Amino acid sequence: MVRICLAALRLDGRVTSVFVPYLRPHEWSRTKLYLPSSFVMCTTNKDSDDVDKVRAWETFGWKSRLIDVSDTDILSSTAFRLAILSGRDWREFMHESIHEYFTCIDGPARFLRSAALANGHGR
């Protein structure tokens, strides 16, 4: 979905999305194999973990940037789930370029099931 959105915004030639093993920082350096020859790793300052990512990346010698989002409203996944469960349309929260793909992968139904379970609304 990230790649679809980047293409729709015509940023796909400037931005590469790479999976980083979030819960295994000792494995982060392995992502170098999948990075372009010139890159800057970016993350936001929405969580203290993000500052830790930048510190780790810098120990690998990677250029890093922490993007300040302190003046931006951040929608957590919990708030997102609660909004959907309260009847808000999931399309409000996603770029229009991924609506069709999300529907094709049965995302709305899968998301509602996981939201209900995560928020104690069923088993």
Foldseek 3Di string as FASTA:
>chain_A
DVCLVCVVVVNNVPDDDFDAPLVCLVCRVVRVVVDDPADEAEDEPPDPVRVVSQVSCVVVVHHYDYHYCVVPDDQDVLNLLVCVVVPDDNPVVDDPSCPVVCVVVVNVVVSNVVSCVVVVNDD
